Amino acid sequence: MYTELATMYAKYKPKMLMDFIKMNIQKLNIPKLINACERHYHWEHAVFLYTHYDEYDQAANTMMAGDLSAAVPWILHF
């Protein structure tokens, strides 16, 4: 249920998405939400989810393939 709500935020209310992800990260199906974020071009959110899923290579690939603004939060995370 949390994953579907996050998917709806990605589609209709992207400004609320990051706060929702941070509050409910343990309850989300991360691979499904990553797919939704990439589908709606939310690169920063996808990178954040990849790092929490311990997929650092995919996070780096997403930064290179998507918008470079996604790189800043990932770099500041470390």
PDB file of N, CA and C in Angstrom:
ATOM      1  N   MET A   1       0.813  -1.179   0.000  1.00  0.00           N
ATOM      2  CA  MET A   1       0.000   0.000   0.000  1.00  0.00           C
ATOM      3  C   MET A   1       0.874   1.268   0.000  1.00  0.00           C
ATOM      4  N   TYR A   2       1.952   1.249   0.778  1.00  0.00           N
ATOM      5  CA  TYR A   2       2.849   2.401   0.817  1.00  0.00           C
ATOM      6  C   TYR A   2       3.531   2.610  -0.533  1.00  0.00           C
ATOM      7  N   THR A   3       3.880   1.518  -1.176  1.00  0.00           N
ATOM      8  CA  THR A   3       4.547   1.620  -2.470  1.00  0.00           C
ATOM      9  C   THR A   3       3.614   2.218  -3.516  1.00  0.00           C
ATOM     10  N   GLU A   4       2.374   1.796  -3.510  1.00  0.00           N
ATOM     11  CA  GLU A   4       1.411   2.337  -4.478  1.00  0.00           C
ATOM     12  C   GLU A   4       1.150   3.816  -4.234  1.00  0.00           C
ATOM     13  N   LEU A   5       1.092   4.213  -2.969  1.00  0.00           N
ATOM     14  CA  LEU A   5       0.912   5.631  -2.666  1.00  0.00           C
ATOM     15  C   LEU A   5       2.122   6.433  -3.134  1.00  0.00           C
ATOM     16  N   ALA A   6       3.311   5.894  -2.928  1.00  0.00           N
ATOM     17  CA  ALA A   6       4.521   6.575  -3.401  1.00  0.00           C
ATOM     18  C   ALA A   6       4.527   6.674  -4.923  1.00  0.00           C
ATOM     19  N   THR A   7       4.039   5.649  -5.595  1.00  0.00           N
ATOM     20  CA  THR A   7       3.940   5.682  -7.055  1.00  0.00           C
ATOM     21  C   THR A   7       2.981   6.784  -7.513  1.00  0.00           C
ATOM     22  N   MET A   8       1.894   6.944  -6.793  1.00  0.00           N
ATOM     23  CA  MET A   8       0.954   8.023  -7.120  1.00  0.00           C
ATOM     24  C   MET A   8       1.580   9.397  -6.858  1.00  0.00           C
ATOM     25  N   TYR A   9       2.348   9.512  -5.781  1.00  0.00           N
ATOM     26  CA  TYR A   9       3.062  10.768  -5.532  1.00  0.00           C
ATOM     27  C   TYR A   9       4.035  11.053  -6.673  1.00  0.00           C
ATOM     28  N   ALA A  10       4.717  10.026  -7.158  1.00  0.00           N
ATOM     29  CA  ALA A  10       5.661  10.216  -8.260  1.00  0.00           C
ATOM     30  C   ALA A  10       4.950  10.732  -9.507  1.00  0.00           C
ATOM     31  N   LYS A  11       3.748  10.275  -9.705  1.00  0.00           N
ATOM     32  CA  LYS A  11       3.016  10.665 -10.907  1.00  0.00           C
ATOM     33  C   LYS A  11       2.302  12.009 -10.757  1.00  0.00           C
ATOM     34  N   TYR A  12       1.679  12.249  -9.593  1.00  0.00           N
ATOM     35  CA  TYR A  12       0.808  13.411  -9.457  1.00  0.00           C
ATOM     36  C   TYR A  12       1.315  14.504  -8.514  1.00  0.00           C
ATOM     37  N   LYS A  13       2.079  14.154  -7.483  1.00  0.00           N
ATOM     38  CA  LYS A  13       2.549  15.138  -6.490  1.00  0.00           C
ATOM     39  C   LYS A  13       4.029  14.914  -6.198  1.00  0.00           C
ATOM     40  N   PRO A  14       4.899  15.162  -7.163  1.00  0.00           N
ATOM     41  CA  PRO A  14       6.321  14.841  -6.973  1.00  0.00           C
ATOM     42  C   PRO A  14       7.003  15.639  -5.866  1.00  0.00           C
ATOM     43  N   LYS A  15       6.461  16.788  -5.507  1.00  0.00           N
ATOM     44  CA  LYS A  15       7.089  17.570  -4.434  1.00  0.00           C
ATOM     45  C   LYS A  15       6.948  16.891  -3.074  1.00  0.00           C
ATOM     46  N   MET A  16       5.956  16.041  -2.922  1.00  0.00           N
ATOM     47  CA  MET A  16       5.741  15.346  -1.653  1.00  0.00           C
ATOM     48  C   MET A  16       6.458  13.997  -1.599  1.00  0.00           C
ATOM     49  N   LEU A  17       7.005  13.563  -2.715  1.00  0.00           N
ATOM     50  CA  LEU A  17       7.549  12.215  -2.816  1.00  0.00           C
ATOM     51  C   LEU A  17       8.748  11.972  -1.909  1.00  0.00           C
ATOM     52  N   MET A  18       9.736  12.855  -1.903  1.00  0.00           N
ATOM     53  CA  MET A  18      10.953  12.611  -1.126  1.00  0.00           C
ATOM     54  C   MET A  18      10.657  12.532   0.368  1.00  0.00           C
ATOM     55  N   ASP A  19       9.808  13.402   0.871  1.00  0.00           N
ATOM     56  CA  ASP A  19       9.455  13.344   2.292  1.00  0.00           C
ATOM     57  C   ASP A  19       8.759  12.031   2.621  1.00  0.00           C
ATOM     58  N   PHE A  20       7.875  11.590   1.736  1.00  0.00           N
ATOM     59  CA  PHE A  20       7.176  10.330   1.956  1.00  0.00           C
ATOM     60  C   PHE A  20       8.147   9.151   1.939  1.00  0.00           C
ATOM     61  N   ILE A  21       9.091   9.168   1.016  1.00  0.00           N
ATOM     62  CA  ILE A  21      10.081   8.093   0.939  1.00  0.00           C
ATOM     63  C   ILE A  21      10.910   8.045   2.213  1.00  0.00           C
ATOM     64  N   LYS A  22      11.384   9.198   2.668  1.00  0.00           N
ATOM     65  CA  LYS A  22      12.223   9.235   3.868  1.00  0.00           C
ATOM     66  C   LYS A  22      11.474   8.755   5.105  1.00  0.00           C
ATOM     67  N   MET A  23      10.187   9.051   5.202  1.00  0.00           N
ATOM     68  CA  MET A  23       9.409   8.633   6.368  1.00  0.00           C
ATOM     69  C   MET A  23       9.059   7.150   6.338  1.00  0.00           C
ATOM     70  N   ASN A  24       8.975   6.558   5.155  1.00  0.00           N
ATOM     71  CA  ASN A  24       8.469   5.190   5.028  1.00  0.00           C
ATOM     72  C   ASN A  24       9.422   4.262   4.287  1.00  0.00           C
ATOM     73  N   ILE A  25      10.711   4.520   4.338  1.00  0.00           N
ATOM     74  CA  ILE A  25      11.677   3.758   3.539  1.00  0.00           C
ATOM     75  C   ILE A  25      11.643   2.260   3.856  1.00  0.00           C
ATOM     76  N   GLN A  26      11.380   1.901   5.093  1.00  0.00           N
ATOM     77  CA  GLN A  26      11.378   0.487   5.483  1.00  0.00           C
ATOM     78  C   GLN A  26      10.139  -0.256   4.974  1.00  0.00           C
ATOM     79  N   LYS A  27       9.096   0.466   4.640  1.00  0.00           N
ATOM     80  CA  LYS A  27       7.828  -0.147   4.246  1.00  0.00           C
ATOM     81  C   LYS A  27       7.634  -0.220   2.737  1.00  0.00           C
ATOM     82  N   LEU A  28       8.585   0.294   1.982  1.00  0.00           N
ATOM     83  CA  LEU A  28       8.429   0.405   0.535  1.00  0.00           C
ATOM     84  C   LEU A  28       9.051  -0.772  -0.202  1.00  0.00           C
ATOM     85  N   ASN A  29       8.456  -1.110  -1.322  1.00  0.00           N
ATOM     86  CA  ASN A  29       9.055  -2.045  -2.264  1.00  0.00           C
ATOM     87  C   ASN A  29       9.956  -1.194  -3.162  1.00  0.00           C
ATOM     88  N   ILE A  30      11.229  -1.146  -2.811  1.00  0.00           N
ATOM     89  CA  ILE A  30      12.148  -0.205  -3.440  1.00  0.00           C
ATOM     90  C   ILE A  30      12.312  -0.446  -4.945  1.00  0.00           C
ATOM     91  N   PRO A  31      12.495  -1.677  -5.417  1.00  0.00           N
ATOM     92  CA  PRO A  31      12.641  -1.852  -6.880  1.00  0.00           C
ATOM     93  C   PRO A  31      11.439  -1.343  -7.680  1.00  0.00           C
ATOM     94  N   LYS A  32      10.247  -1.574  -7.178  1.00  0.00           N
ATOM     95  CA  LYS A  32       9.053  -1.098  -7.878  1.00  0.00           C
ATOM     96  C   LYS A  32       8.994   0.429  -7.887  1.00  0.00           C
ATOM     97  N   LEU A  33       9.374   1.043  -6.778  1.00  0.00           N
ATOM     98  CA  LEU A  33       9.348   2.501  -6.702  1.00  0.00           C
ATOM     99  C   LEU A  33      10.455   3.128  -7.547  1.00  0.00           C
ATOM    100  N   ILE A  34      11.607   2.472  -7.625  1.00  0.00           N
ATOM    101  CA  ILE A  34      12.677   2.956  -8.505  1.00  0.00           C
ATOM    102  C   ILE A  34      12.181   2.993  -9.946  1.00  0.00           C
ATOM    103  N   ASN A  35      11.492   1.956 -10.347  1.00  0.00           N
ATOM    104  CA  ASN A  35      10.939   1.901 -11.702  1.00  0.00           C
ATOM    105  C   ASN A  35       9.982   3.069 -11.945  1.00  0.00           C
ATOM    106  N   ALA A  36       9.126   3.356 -10.975  1.00  0.00           N
ATOM    107  CA  ALA A  36       8.184   4.472 -11.122  1.00  0.00           C
ATOM    108  C   ALA A  36       8.918   5.808 -11.179  1.00  0.00           C
ATOM    109  N   CYS A  37       9.940   5.970 -10.360  1.00  0.00           N
ATOM    110  CA  CYS A  37      10.697   7.227 -10.359  1.00  0.00           C
ATOM    111  C   CYS A  37      11.405   7.441 -11.689  1.00  0.00           C
ATOM    112  N   GLU A  38      11.986   6.384 -12.228  1.00  0.00           N
ATOM    113  CA  GLU A  38      12.660   6.511 -13.517  1.00  0.00           C
ATOM    114  C   GLU A  38      11.657   6.759 -14.643  1.00  0.00           C
ATOM    115  N   ARG A  39      10.499   6.146 -14.559  1.00  0.00           N
ATOM    116  CA  ARG A  39       9.468   6.334 -15.578  1.00  0.00           C
ATOM    117  C   ARG A  39       8.993   7.787 -15.634  1.00  0.00           C
ATOM    118  N   HIS A  40       8.976   8.450 -14.468  1.00  0.00           N
ATOM    119  CA  HIS A  40       8.509   9.836 -14.397  1.00  0.00           C
ATOM    120  C   HIS A  40       9.660  10.828 -14.280  1.00  0.00           C
ATOM    121  N   TYR A  41      10.872  10.377 -14.557  1.00  0.00           N
ATOM    122  CA  TYR A  41      12.066  11.227 -14.623  1.00  0.00           C
ATOM    123  C   TYR A  41      12.408  11.912 -13.298  1.00  0.00           C
ATOM    124  N   HIS A  42      12.201  11.213 -12.194  1.00  0.00           N
ATOM    125  CA  HIS A  42      12.594  11.725 -10.881  1.00  0.00           C
ATOM    126  C   HIS A  42      13.947  11.099 -10.532  1.00  0.00           C
ATOM    127  N   TRP A  43      14.998  11.614 -11.157  1.00  0.00           N
ATOM    128  CA  TRP A  43      16.327  11.009 -11.032  1.00  0.00           C
ATOM    129  C   TRP A  43      16.860  11.096  -9.607  1.00  0.00           C
ATOM    130  N   GLU A  44      16.639  12.215  -8.944  1.00  0.00           N
ATOM    131  CA  GLU A  44      17.142  12.382  -7.576  1.00  0.00           C
ATOM    132  C   GLU A  44      16.528  11.341  -6.639  1.00  0.00           C
ATOM    133  N   HIS A  45      15.257  11.084  -6.803  1.00  0.00           N
ATOM    134  CA  HIS A  45      14.579  10.098  -5.969  1.00  0.00           C
ATOM    135  C   HIS A  45      15.082   8.689  -6.283  1.00  0.00           C
ATOM    136  N   ALA A  46      15.288   8.405  -7.550  1.00  0.00           N
ATOM    137  CA  ALA A  46      15.784   7.085  -7.941  1.00  0.00           C
ATOM    138  C   ALA A  46      17.174   6.834  -7.373  1.00  0.00           C
ATOM    139  N   VAL A  47      18.039   7.833  -7.418  1.00  0.00           N
ATOM    140  CA  VAL A  47      19.388   7.689  -6.864  1.00  0.00           C
ATOM    141  C   VAL A  47      19.316   7.469  -5.359  1.00  0.00           C
ATOM    142  N   PHE A  48      18.467   8.212  -4.680  1.00  0.00           N
ATOM    143  CA  PHE A  48      18.288   8.044  -3.238  1.00  0.00           C
ATOM    144  C   PHE A  48      17.845   6.619  -2.913  1.00  0.00           C
ATOM    145  N   LEU A  49      16.896   6.100  -3.680  1.00  0.00           N
ATOM    146  CA  LEU A  49      16.407   4.738  -3.449  1.00  0.00           C
ATOM    147  C   LEU A  49      17.475   3.699  -3.759  1.00  0.00           C
ATOM    148  N   TYR A  50      18.238   3.892  -4.825  1.00  0.00           N
ATOM    149  CA  TYR A  50      19.319   2.960  -5.143  1.00  0.00           C
ATOM    150  C   TYR A  50      20.335   2.895  -4.009  1.00  0.00           C
ATOM    151  N   THR A  51      20.677   4.028  -3.415  1.00  0.00           N
ATOM    152  CA  THR A  51      21.671   4.019  -2.338  1.00  0.00           C
ATOM    153  C   THR A  51      21.130   3.311  -1.102  1.00  0.00           C
ATOM    154  N   HIS A  52      19.848   3.440  -0.824  1.00  0.00           N
ATOM    155  CA  HIS A  52      19.269   2.725   0.314  1.00  0.00           C
ATOM    156  C   HIS A  52      19.097   1.242   0.027  1.00  0.00           C
ATOM    157  N   TYR A  53      19.097   0.871  -1.227  1.00  0.00           N
ATOM    158  CA  TYR A  53      18.995  -0.529  -1.637  1.00  0.00           C
ATOM    159  C   TYR A  53      20.388  -1.131  -1.852  1.00  0.00           C
ATOM    160  N   ASP A  54      21.435  -0.361  -1.523  1.00  0.00           N
ATOM    161  CA  ASP A  54      22.841  -0.760  -1.654  1.00  0.00           C
ATOM    162  C   ASP A  54      23.223  -1.100  -3.093  1.00  0.00           C
ATOM    163  N   GLU A  55      22.667  -0.391  -4.023  1.00  0.00           N
ATOM    164  CA  GLU A  55      22.989  -0.540  -5.445  1.00  0.00           C
ATOM    165  C   GLU A  55      23.719   0.718  -5.904  1.00  0.00           C
ATOM    166  N   TYR A  56      24.952   0.877  -5.432  1.00  0.00           N
ATOM    167  CA  TYR A  56      25.700   2.096  -5.701  1.00  0.00           C
ATOM    168  C   TYR A  56      26.091   2.221  -7.174  1.00  0.00           C
ATOM    169  N   ASP A  57      26.343   1.101  -7.834  1.00  0.00           N
ATOM    170  CA  ASP A  57      26.670   1.150  -9.263  1.00  0.00           C
ATOM    171  C   ASP A  57      25.479   1.659 -10.077  1.00  0.00           C
ATOM    172  N   GLN A  58      24.294   1.176  -9.741  1.00  0.00           N
ATOM    173  CA  GLN A  58      23.103   1.638 -10.446  1.00  0.00           C
ATOM    174  C   GLN A  58      22.826   3.107 -10.154  1.00  0.00           C
ATOM    175  N   ALA A  59      23.121   3.537  -8.923  1.00  0.00           N
ATOM    176  CA  ALA A  59      22.955   4.958  -8.589  1.00  0.00           C
ATOM    177  C   ALA A  59      23.878   5.811  -9.454  1.00  0.00           C
ATOM    178  N   ALA A  60      25.113   5.360  -9.617  1.00  0.00           N
ATOM    179  CA  ALA A  60      26.060   6.101 -10.451  1.00  0.00           C
ATOM    180  C   ALA A  60      25.614   6.098 -11.913  1.00  0.00           C
ATOM    181  N   ASN A  61      25.128   4.959 -12.401  1.00  0.00           N
ATOM    182  CA  ASN A  61      24.635   4.891 -13.780  1.00  0.00           C
ATOM    183  C   ASN A  61      23.442   5.819 -13.991  1.00  0.00           C
ATOM    184  N   THR A  62      22.574   5.897 -13.006  1.00  0.00           N
ATOM    185  CA  THR A  62      21.413   6.777 -13.104  1.00  0.00           C
ATOM    186  C   THR A  62      21.843   8.231 -13.148  1.00  0.00           C
ATOM    187  N   MET A  63      22.851   8.577 -12.358  1.00  0.00           N
ATOM    188  CA  MET A  63      23.346   9.954 -12.377  1.00  0.00           C
ATOM    189  C   MET A  63      23.930  10.302 -13.736  1.00  0.00           C
ATOM    190  N   MET A  64      24.619   9.347 -14.348  1.00  0.00           N
ATOM    191  CA  MET A  64      25.228   9.611 -15.650  1.00  0.00           C
ATOM    192  C   MET A  64      24.186   9.643 -16.766  1.00  0.00           C
ATOM    193  N   ALA A  65      23.171   8.792 -16.668  1.00  0.00           N
ATOM    194  CA  ALA A  65      22.164   8.713 -17.724  1.00  0.00           C
ATOM    195  C   ALA A  65      21.090   9.779 -17.588  1.00  0.00           C
ATOM    196  N   GLY A  66      20.784  10.159 -16.365  1.00  0.00           N
ATOM    197  CA  GLY A  66      19.709  11.119 -16.131  1.00  0.00           C
ATOM    198  C   GLY A  66      20.235  12.523 -15.966  1.00  0.00           C
ATOM    199  N   ASP A  67      19.513  13.281 -15.218  1.00  0.00           N
ATOM    200  CA  ASP A  67      19.857  14.673 -14.955  1.00  0.00           C
ATOM    201  C   ASP A  67      21.012  14.726 -13.960  1.00  0.00           C
ATOM    202  N   LEU A  68      21.977  15.593 -14.204  1.00  0.00           N
ATOM    203  CA  LEU A  68      23.134  15.691 -13.313  1.00  0.00           C
ATOM    204  C   LEU A  68      22.781  16.268 -11.952  1.00  0.00           C
ATOM    205  N   SER A  69      21.639  16.886 -11.797  1.00  0.00           N
ATOM    206  CA  SER A  69      21.247  17.396 -10.482  1.00  0.00           C
ATOM    207  C   SER A  69      21.003  16.256  -9.504  1.00  0.00           C
ATOM    208  N   ALA A  70      20.832  15.040 -10.016  1.00  0.00           N
ATOM    209  CA  ALA A  70      20.667  13.887  -9.133  1.00  0.00           C
ATOM    210  C   ALA A  70      21.965  13.530  -8.438  1.00  0.00           C
ATOM    211  N   ALA A  71      23.079  13.983  -8.952  1.00  0.00           N
ATOM    212  CA  ALA A  71      24.374  13.641  -8.367  1.00  0.00           C
ATOM    213  C   ALA A  71      24.623  14.366  -7.057  1.00  0.00           C
ATOM    214  N   VAL A  72      24.122  15.550  -6.904  1.00  0.00           N
ATOM    215  CA  VAL A  72      24.435  16.357  -5.719  1.00  0.00           C
ATOM    216  C   VAL A  72      23.965  15.700  -4.425  1.00  0.00           C
ATOM    217  N   PRO A  73      22.710  15.253  -4.284  1.00  0.00           N
ATOM    218  CA  PRO A  73      22.318  14.632  -3.011  1.00  0.00           C
ATOM    219  C   PRO A  73      23.081  13.344  -2.732  1.00  0.00           C
ATOM    220  N   TRP A  74      23.410  12.592  -3.780  1.00  0.00           N
ATOM    221  CA  TRP A  74      24.128  11.339  -3.572  1.00  0.00           C
ATOM    222  C   TRP A  74      25.533  11.608  -3.070  1.00  0.00           C
ATOM    223  N   ILE A  75      26.192  12.604  -3.611  1.00  0.00           N
ATOM    224  CA  ILE A  75      27.541  12.952  -3.180  1.00  0.00           C
ATOM    225  C   ILE A  75      27.509  13.491  -1.758  1.00  0.00           C
ATOM    226  N   LEU A  76      26.524  14.298  -1.433  1.00  0.00           N
ATOM    227  CA  LEU A  76      26.422  14.860  -0.091  1.00  0.00           C
ATOM    228  C   LEU A  76      26.024  13.816   0.941  1.00  0.00           C
ATOM    229  N   HIS A  77      25.480  12.682   0.490  1.00  0.00           N
ATOM    230  CA  HIS A  77      25.069  11.600   1.397  1.00  0.00           C
ATOM    231  C   HIS A  77      26.279  10.984   2.092  1.00  0.00           C
ATOM    232  N   PHE A  78      27.457  11.047   1.467  1.00  0.00           N
ATOM    233  CA  PHE A  78      28.649  10.412   2.032  1.00  0.00           C
ATOM    234  C   PHE A  78      29.535  11.377   2.678  1.00  0.00           C
TER     235      PHE A  78
END
